[in-house]
């Protein structure tokens, strides 16, 4: 295998990173330790963005491997166990930050190696297995899979053509040639199916049925199932009848929401249908285990934050069906004014989730699992026969 662009310093850094991940328990098997030691992460992240939160939003600054004054900082970040921002508002950070700092949402990153190692170990691959990766990103994870399984067994797809082409070039510079394609990840990649393993490195509101259809009986799917409030990684096994069943991982992990080319109709939000008071603060959703259950209750609703005319903050929920809720700041007695509209009373659903969470002794996501097929997906508590909630389509 060609090792273009690797010097003794970066070789040493890659070895040290692999050793640190093994010592931390993120890497368990020698094969993955060897893969992390042999794949140079710096080739896949020529620049990245540091960020800080400001009153005006997230503020970025560029760290570039092409700048001699930044080279040590750049390498220190590359070979640390950190997630690195590589794209802002659809542009490479080198382009987005060419004129200095910028604000806006990041749209792609190189995931922290420790997290990727844990997920790759969870995927439980063996020699000769085929893997479909949804979310090529920088190509680093595809390189790790390629190093472990060989090019002919790895397919990686992404909706962003620029990401795919950049990854293709970087992979080829190291002698890696997995199958790459620019497609919507929701559709999987039927040309290479069926796969022994499928791994998603972007979040979806459910397990796309195409992934289940493209997985061999007995194969595994590792997916980030999440909505606007919360989510977690779930590992499911596909049965011969096309049913996928499994549990959420005990250790939390999450990815950016998947992008899609499919048009989404702009919802119409009706006027206020009801007003009342609540004692439940939106801050309760900062507890990730409660937010997980609340997400199951509100389905496809997502949060937003706004500022009232008097300058006070306002928390809201909105859904594609036009349902909405806004929760105002608390008064001196801890009561908050709630306004709601649309076919579903969203804050009532959040309160119902909180009541259930307390009655169920505050379970976290690892107590839940998923059963999914081509027509229906449900999240259940403890066992498939336990309480359950449908996932949005």
Protein backbone atom coordinates (compact mmCIF):
# COMPACT_ATOMS: atom_id res chain seq x y z
CA UNK A 1 0.00 0.00 0.00
CA UNK A 2 1.34 3.43 -1.00
CA UNK A 3 2.04 5.80 1.88
CA UNK A 4 2.43 9.15 0.09
CA UNK A 5 2.74 12.18 2.35
CA UNK A 6 3.70 10.38 5.54
CA UNK A 7 6.85 11.46 7.29
CA UNK A 8 8.45 10.03 10.37
CA UNK A 9 6.72 12.62 12.59
CA UNK A 10 3.23 11.83 11.32
CA UNK A 11 3.91 8.10 11.37
CA UNK A 12 4.89 8.45 15.03
CA UNK A 13 1.80 10.55 15.74
CA UNK A 14 -0.51 7.99 14.10
CA UNK A 15 1.09 5.19 16.14
CA UNK A 16 0.69 7.20 19.33
CA UNK A 17 -2.94 7.98 18.54
CA UNK A 18 -3.67 4.28 18.02
CA UNK A 19 -1.96 3.44 21.31
CA UNK A 20 -3.93 6.11 23.20
CA UNK A 21 -7.21 4.85 21.78
CA UNK A 22 -6.30 1.29 22.77
CA UNK A 23 -5.36 2.39 26.29
CA UNK A 24 -8.67 4.26 26.58
CA UNK A 25 -10.57 1.12 25.59
CA UNK A 26 -11.89 2.61 22.35
CA UNK A 27 -9.84 0.13 20.33
CA UNK A 28 -10.11 -3.50 21.43
CA UNK A 29 -8.83 -5.64 18.56
CA UNK A 30 -5.30 -5.63 17.08
CA UNK A 31 -6.66 -5.27 13.54
CA UNK A 32 -8.26 -1.92 14.31
CA UNK A 33 -5.24 -0.78 16.28
CA UNK A 34 -3.12 -1.48 13.20
CA UNK A 35 -5.56 0.35 10.93
CA UNK A 36 -5.49 3.51 13.05
CA UNK A 37 -1.69 3.33 13.25
CA UNK A 38 -1.34 3.00 9.47
CA UNK A 39 -3.91 5.53 8.19
CA UNK A 40 -2.60 9.12 8.32
CA UNK A 41 -5.47 11.37 9.42
CA UNK A 42 -3.67 14.55 8.33
CA UNK A 43 -4.03 13.59 4.67
CA UNK A 44 -7.82 13.76 5.07
CA UNK A 45 -7.93 17.02 7.04
CA UNK A 46 -5.63 19.54 5.31
CA UNK A 47 -7.32 22.33 7.28
CA UNK A 48 -9.92 22.60 10.00
CA UNK A 49 -11.75 25.31 11.90
CA UNK A 50 -11.55 26.11 15.58
CA UNK A 51 -14.71 27.67 16.97
CA UNK A 52 -16.09 29.64 19.88
CA UNK A 53 -19.61 30.62 20.86
CA UNK A 54 -20.33 34.36 20.84
CA UNK A 55 -23.50 36.43 21.36
CA UNK A 56 -23.70 36.67 17.56
CA UNK A 57 -23.36 32.92 17.01
CA UNK A 58 -20.50 30.49 16.40
CA UNK A 59 -17.24 32.19 15.38
CA UNK A 60 -14.64 30.20 13.43
CA UNK A 61 -10.92 30.59 12.82
CA UNK A 62 -8.90 28.56 10.32
CA UNK A 63 -6.06 26.19 11.21
CA UNK A 64 -4.21 25.25 8.02
CA UNK A 65 -1.53 22.68 7.35
CA UNK A 66 -0.27 24.91 4.54
CA UNK A 67 0.66 27.68 6.97
CA UNK A 68 4.17 27.03 8.37
CA UNK A 69 3.32 29.07 11.48
CA UNK A 70 0.31 26.82 12.18
CA UNK A 71 1.79 23.44 11.28
CA UNK A 72 2.41 22.27 14.83
CA UNK A 73 -1.03 23.43 16.01
CA UNK A 74 -2.56 21.76 12.97
CA UNK A 75 -0.83 18.43 13.61
CA UNK A 76 -1.58 18.55 17.33
CA UNK A 77 -5.28 18.88 16.52
CA UNK A 78 -5.19 16.24 13.79
CA UNK A 79 -3.68 13.58 16.02
CA UNK A 80 -5.75 14.45 19.08
CA UNK A 81 -8.99 12.66 19.86
CA UNK A 82 -11.05 15.60 18.62
CA UNK A 83 -13.83 16.20 16.12
CA UNK A 84 -12.57 18.73 13.58
CA UNK A 85 -14.81 21.03 11.53
CA UNK A 86 -14.00 20.77 7.83
CA UNK A 87 -16.93 22.47 6.09
CA UNK A 88 -19.03 25.56 6.89
CA UNK A 89 -22.33 26.22 5.13
CA UNK A 90 -21.38 23.77 2.39
CA UNK A 91 -17.91 25.21 1.72
CA UNK A 92 -14.48 23.80 2.58
CA UNK A 93 -13.12 25.68 5.59
CA UNK A 94 -10.20 26.89 3.45
CA UNK A 95 -12.73 28.67 1.21
CA UNK A 96 -15.25 29.67 3.85
CA UNK A 97 -12.57 31.27 6.04
CA UNK A 98 -10.30 32.62 3.30
CA UNK A 99 -11.00 36.21 4.39
CA UNK A 100 -10.72 35.57 8.11
CA UNK A 101 -13.39 34.60 10.63
CA UNK A 102 -16.93 33.65 9.73
CA UNK A 103 -20.19 32.72 11.41
CA UNK A 104 -22.72 30.07 10.44
CA UNK A 105 -23.47 26.37 10.77
CA UNK A 106 -20.86 23.75 10.02
CA UNK A 107 -21.96 21.05 7.60
CA UNK A 108 -19.20 18.44 7.73
CA UNK A 109 -16.47 17.34 10.10
CA UNK A 110 -13.88 14.68 10.79
CA UNK A 111 -15.30 12.73 13.73
CA UNK A 112 -13.18 12.20 16.83
CA UNK A 113 -11.05 9.07 16.27
CA UNK A 114 -12.05 7.59 19.62
CA UNK A 115 -15.72 7.68 18.69
CA UNK A 116 -15.05 6.20 15.25
CA UNK A 117 -12.96 3.44 16.85
CA UNK A 118 -15.78 2.53 19.26
CA UNK A 119 -18.29 2.38 16.42
CA UNK A 120 -16.01 0.35 14.16
CA UNK A 121 -15.43 -2.13 16.97
CA UNK A 122 -19.20 -2.28 17.57
CA UNK A 123 -19.72 -3.05 13.88
CA UNK A 124 -17.97 -6.39 14.53
CA UNK A 125 -16.48 -6.89 11.08
CA UNK A 126 -14.48 -9.91 9.99
CA UNK A 127 -12.20 -10.59 7.03
CA UNK A 128 -14.07 -10.77 3.74
CA UNK A 129 -17.13 -8.84 4.92
CA UNK A 130 -18.64 -6.03 2.84
CA UNK A 131 -19.49 -2.68 4.42
CA UNK A 132 -21.62 0.24 3.25
CA UNK A 133 -20.76 3.57 4.88
CA UNK A 134 -23.28 6.40 4.64
CA UNK A 135 -21.53 9.74 5.09
CA UNK A 136 -18.12 9.75 3.37
CA UNK A 137 -17.13 13.13 4.80
CA UNK A 138 -13.36 13.55 4.63
CA UNK A 139 -12.79 9.90 3.67
CA UNK A 140 -10.83 9.06 6.83
CA UNK A 141 -13.27 6.44 8.04
CA UNK A 142 -13.45 4.90 4.56
CA UNK A 143 -9.66 4.64 4.66
CA UNK A 144 -9.80 2.84 8.01
CA UNK A 145 -12.37 0.40 6.62
CA UNK A 146 -10.27 -0.04 3.48
CA UNK A 147 -7.14 -0.75 5.54
CA UNK A 148 -9.04 -3.33 7.57
CA UNK A 149 -11.11 -5.06 4.86
CA UNK A 150 -9.63 -4.16 1.47
CA UNK A 151 -10.97 -1.85 -1.21
CA UNK A 152 -13.26 -4.39 -2.83
CA UNK A 153 -15.25 -4.77 0.37
CA UNK A 154 -15.89 -1.09 1.14
CA UNK A 155 -18.53 1.23 -0.34
CA UNK A 156 -18.89 4.79 0.91
CA UNK A 157 -21.54 7.29 -0.19
CA UNK A 158 -22.32 10.94 0.48
CA UNK A 159 -24.84 13.45 -0.84
CA UNK A 160 -22.16 16.13 -1.24
CA UNK A 161 -20.29 15.75 -4.54
CA UNK A 162 -17.40 17.95 -3.44
CA UNK A 163 -16.85 15.85 -0.32
CA UNK A 164 -16.85 12.65 -2.36
CA UNK A 165 -14.39 13.98 -4.94
CA UNK A 166 -12.05 15.35 -2.27
CA UNK A 167 -12.20 12.02 -0.43
CA UNK A 168 -11.56 10.10 -3.65
CA UNK A 169 -8.41 12.13 -4.33
CA UNK A 170 -7.10 11.76 -0.78
CA UNK A 171 -7.81 8.03 -0.68
CA UNK A 172 -6.13 7.48 -4.04
CA UNK A 173 -3.03 9.36 -2.88
CA UNK A 174 -2.59 6.62 -0.28
CA UNK A 175 -3.40 3.76 -2.61
CA UNK A 176 -6.95 3.23 -1.30
CA UNK A 177 -9.70 2.67 -3.86
CA UNK A 178 -13.01 1.87 -2.20
CA UNK A 179 -16.19 2.31 -4.21
CA UNK A 180 -17.42 5.91 -3.76
CA UNK A 181 -20.64 7.47 -5.00
CA UNK A 182 -22.55 10.73 -4.70
CA UNK A 183 -26.10 9.74 -3.76
CA UNK A 184 -28.71 10.45 -1.10
CA UNK A 185 -27.82 8.26 1.86
CA UNK A 186 -31.48 7.48 2.52
CA UNK A 187 -31.45 5.40 -0.66
CA UNK A 188 -28.41 3.36 0.30
CA UNK A 189 -26.44 1.95 -2.63
CA UNK A 190 -28.20 -1.02 -4.26
CA UNK A 191 -25.43 -1.58 -6.83
CA UNK A 192 -23.22 -3.11 -4.16
CA UNK A 193 -25.90 -4.86 -2.11
CA UNK A 194 -26.36 -6.96 -0.15
CA UNK A 195 -23.88 -5.88 2.55
CA UNK A 196 -22.72 -7.65 5.67
CA UNK A 197 -22.55 -4.36 7.58
CA UNK A 198 -24.03 -0.88 7.18
CA UNK A 199 -22.83 2.12 9.20
CA UNK A 200 -24.30 5.61 9.11
CA UNK A 201 -22.21 8.61 10.16
CA UNK A 202 -25.06 11.11 9.86
CA UNK A 203 -28.36 11.20 11.75
CA UNK A 204 -31.72 10.05 10.40
CA UNK A 205 -35.18 10.12 12.05
CA UNK A 206 -35.40 6.37 11.54
CA UNK A 207 -33.44 3.50 10.00
CA UNK A 208 -33.95 4.03 6.27
CA UNK A 209 -35.85 0.96 4.98
CA UNK A 210 -33.46 0.76 2.02
CA UNK A 211 -30.62 -0.02 4.43
CA UNK A 212 -32.56 -2.94 5.83
CA UNK A 213 -33.38 -4.22 2.34
CA UNK A 214 -29.71 -3.95 1.31
CA UNK A 215 -28.35 -5.83 4.34
CA UNK A 216 -27.77 -9.60 4.26
CA UNK A 217 -29.82 -11.76 6.65
CA UNK A 218 -27.83 -11.83 9.87
CA UNK A 219 -26.07 -8.59 8.95
CA UNK A 220 -25.76 -5.56 11.22
CA UNK A 221 -26.77 -1.92 10.82
CA UNK A 222 -25.28 0.76 13.07
CA UNK A 223 -27.30 3.96 12.78
CA UNK A 224 -27.73 7.29 14.51
CA UNK A 225 -31.50 7.59 14.94
CA UNK A 226 -32.24 11.10 16.13
CA UNK A 227 -34.65 14.00 15.90
CA UNK A 228 -34.42 17.65 16.77
CA UNK A 229 -34.34 17.08 20.53
CA UNK A 230 -32.25 13.95 20.97
CA UNK A 231 -31.17 10.58 19.67
CA UNK A 232 -28.49 7.92 20.02
CA UNK A 233 -26.73 5.11 18.16
CA UNK A 234 -28.62 1.87 17.67
CA UNK A 235 -27.26 -1.50 16.53
CA UNK A 236 -29.76 -3.81 14.83
CA UNK A 237 -29.53 -7.24 13.25
CA UNK A 238 -31.52 -7.99 10.11
CA UNK A 239 -33.50 -11.24 10.08
CA UNK A 240 -34.36 -13.33 7.03
CA UNK A 241 -37.88 -11.87 6.95
CA UNK A 242 -36.53 -8.33 6.59
CA UNK A 243 -37.11 -7.28 10.19
CA UNK A 244 -34.32 -5.42 11.97
CA UNK A 245 -34.17 -5.57 15.76
CA UNK A 246 -31.64 -4.27 18.25
CA UNK A 247 -30.81 -1.94 21.10
CA UNK A 248 -29.38 1.53 21.57
CA UNK A 249 -25.73 1.62 22.59
CA UNK A 250 -25.01 2.46 26.22
CA UNK A 251 -22.39 5.06 25.32
CA UNK A 252 -23.87 8.13 23.65
CA UNK A 253 -22.77 9.23 20.19
CA UNK A 254 -24.35 11.53 17.69
CA UNK A 255 -23.80 12.98 14.21
CA UNK A 256 -25.05 15.89 12.17
CA UNK A 257 -28.48 15.46 10.54
CA UNK A 258 -28.38 13.96 7.08
CA UNK A 259 -28.94 16.29 4.17
CA UNK A 260 -31.38 15.37 1.41
CA UNK A 261 -32.20 16.52 -2.10
CA UNK A 262 -35.86 15.64 -1.61
CA UNK A 263 -37.99 18.82 -1.46
CA UNK A 264 -39.67 19.59 1.84
CA UNK A 265 -42.88 21.61 1.81
CA UNK A 266 -42.83 24.70 3.99
CA UNK A 267 -45.35 24.10 6.79
CA UNK A 268 -48.08 26.56 7.63
CA UNK A 269 -48.37 27.34 11.33
CA UNK A 270 -51.89 28.22 12.48
CA UNK A 271 -52.80 30.84 15.05
CA UNK A 272 -52.90 30.11 18.76
CA UNK A 273 -55.35 27.32 19.59
CA UNK A 274 -54.69 27.16 23.33
CA UNK A 275 -52.91 28.97 26.12
CA UNK A 276 -52.15 27.78 29.63
CA UNK A 277 -49.47 27.68 32.31
CA UNK A 278 -46.79 25.05 32.92
CA UNK A 279 -44.31 24.32 35.67
CA UNK A 280 -42.05 22.24 33.42
CA UNK A 281 -39.07 24.27 32.25
CA UNK A 282 -37.56 23.78 28.78
CA UNK A 283 -34.31 23.35 30.71
CA UNK A 284 -35.57 19.85 31.56
CA UNK A 285 -34.67 18.95 27.97
CA UNK A 286 -31.01 19.56 28.81
CA UNK A 287 -31.12 16.16 30.54
CA UNK A 288 -30.25 13.89 27.58
CA UNK A 289 -32.02 10.82 28.91
CA UNK A 290 -35.29 12.74 29.30
CA UNK A 291 -34.81 14.49 25.95
CA UNK A 292 -34.55 11.03 24.35
CA UNK A 293 -37.99 10.03 25.63
CA UNK A 294 -39.44 13.46 24.84
CA UNK A 295 -38.25 13.04 21.24
CA UNK A 296 -40.21 9.80 20.98
CA UNK A 297 -43.35 11.65 22.10
CA UNK A 298 -43.04 14.68 19.81
CA UNK A 299 -41.87 12.72 16.74
CA UNK A 300 -40.67 15.02 13.98
CA UNK A 301 -40.86 18.25 16.00
CA UNK A 302 -37.67 20.28 16.45
CA UNK A 303 -36.74 23.03 18.90
CA UNK A 304 -36.03 26.67 18.18
CA UNK A 305 -35.06 29.68 20.25
CA UNK A 306 -36.19 33.26 19.81
CA UNK A 307 -36.09 36.60 21.59
CA UNK A 308 -39.27 38.44 22.60
CA UNK A 309 -39.73 42.15 22.06
CA UNK A 310 -38.75 42.77 25.69
CA UNK A 311 -35.45 40.92 25.12
CA UNK A 312 -36.37 37.82 27.13
CA UNK A 313 -35.72 34.36 25.65
CA UNK A 314 -38.45 32.15 24.26
CA UNK A 315 -38.27 28.39 23.62
CA UNK A 316 -40.33 26.80 20.90
CA UNK A 317 -41.14 23.52 19.17
CA UNK A 318 -42.35 23.22 15.58
CA UNK A 319 -43.29 20.27 13.36
CA UNK A 320 -43.84 19.83 9.61
CA UNK A 321 -47.58 19.22 10.16
CA UNK A 322 -47.98 22.79 11.45
CA UNK A 323 -47.97 21.93 15.14
CA UNK A 324 -46.11 24.41 17.33
CA UNK A 325 -45.62 25.43 20.94
CA UNK A 326 -43.89 28.40 22.59
CA UNK A 327 -42.89 28.51 26.24
CA UNK A 328 -42.32 31.91 27.80
CA UNK A 329 -39.99 32.80 30.71
CA UNK A 330 -41.04 31.85 34.22
CA UNK A 331 -42.80 34.24 36.55
CA UNK A 332 -41.89 34.69 40.21
CA UNK A 333 -43.73 31.47 41.07
CA UNK A 334 -42.01 29.34 38.43
CA UNK A 335 -45.02 29.26 36.13
CA UNK A 336 -44.49 29.65 32.41
CA UNK A 337 -47.02 30.80 29.85
CA UNK A 338 -47.52 28.28 27.01
CA UNK A 339 -49.07 29.01 23.62
CA UNK A 340 -49.79 26.16 21.20
CA UNK A 341 -51.34 25.58 17.80
CA UNK A 342 -51.82 22.95 15.12
CA UNK A 343 -53.07 19.36 15.14
CA UNK A 344 -50.80 18.25 18.02
CA UNK A 345 -50.32 19.97 21.38
CA UNK A 346 -46.56 19.58 21.50
CA UNK A 347 -45.81 20.85 24.99
CA UNK A 348 -48.55 18.58 26.38
CA UNK A 349 -46.65 15.70 24.76
CA UNK A 350 -43.39 16.84 26.39
CA UNK A 351 -45.11 16.97 29.78
CA UNK A 352 -46.57 13.49 29.22
CA UNK A 353 -43.06 12.26 28.38
CA UNK A 354 -41.74 13.76 31.62
CA UNK A 355 -44.46 12.07 33.66
CA UNK A 356 -43.68 8.74 31.99
CA UNK A 357 -39.95 9.20 32.49
CA UNK A 358 -40.44 9.73 36.22
CA UNK A 359 -42.81 6.76 36.55
CA UNK A 360 -40.35 4.55 34.66
CA UNK A 361 -37.52 5.51 37.08
CA UNK A 362 -35.75 7.74 34.59
CA UNK A 363 -34.41 5.17 32.09
CA UNK A 364 -31.69 6.24 29.71
CA UNK A 365 -31.51 5.40 26.02
CA UNK A 366 -29.68 2.09 26.57
CA UNK A 367 -32.91 0.70 28.05
CA UNK A 368 -34.58 1.14 24.66
CA UNK A 369 -34.47 -0.78 21.40
CA UNK A 370 -35.90 -0.69 17.90
CA UNK A 371 -37.89 -3.08 15.74
CA UNK A 372 -38.06 -1.96 12.11
CA UNK A 373 -39.30 -3.32 8.80
CA UNK A 374 -40.29 -1.88 5.43
CA UNK A 375 -43.59 -0.43 6.69
CA UNK A 376 -43.20 0.40 10.38
CA UNK A 377 -40.56 1.25 12.96
CA UNK A 378 -41.10 1.36 16.70
CA UNK A 379 -38.86 2.16 19.65
CA UNK A 380 -39.59 0.00 22.67
CA UNK A 381 -38.61 0.02 26.33
CA UNK A 382 -36.79 -3.01 27.79
CA UNK A 383 -38.24 -5.61 25.39
CA UNK A 384 -40.08 -5.55 22.06
CA UNK A 385 -43.24 -6.38 24.03
CA UNK A 386 -42.79 -3.36 26.33
CA UNK A 387 -44.17 0.18 25.91
CA UNK A 388 -43.38 1.48 22.44
CA UNK A 389 -43.49 4.60 20.27
CA UNK A 390 -43.60 4.90 16.46
CA UNK A 391 -40.75 6.60 14.62
CA UNK A 392 -41.56 9.19 11.95
CA UNK A 393 -41.30 8.12 8.32
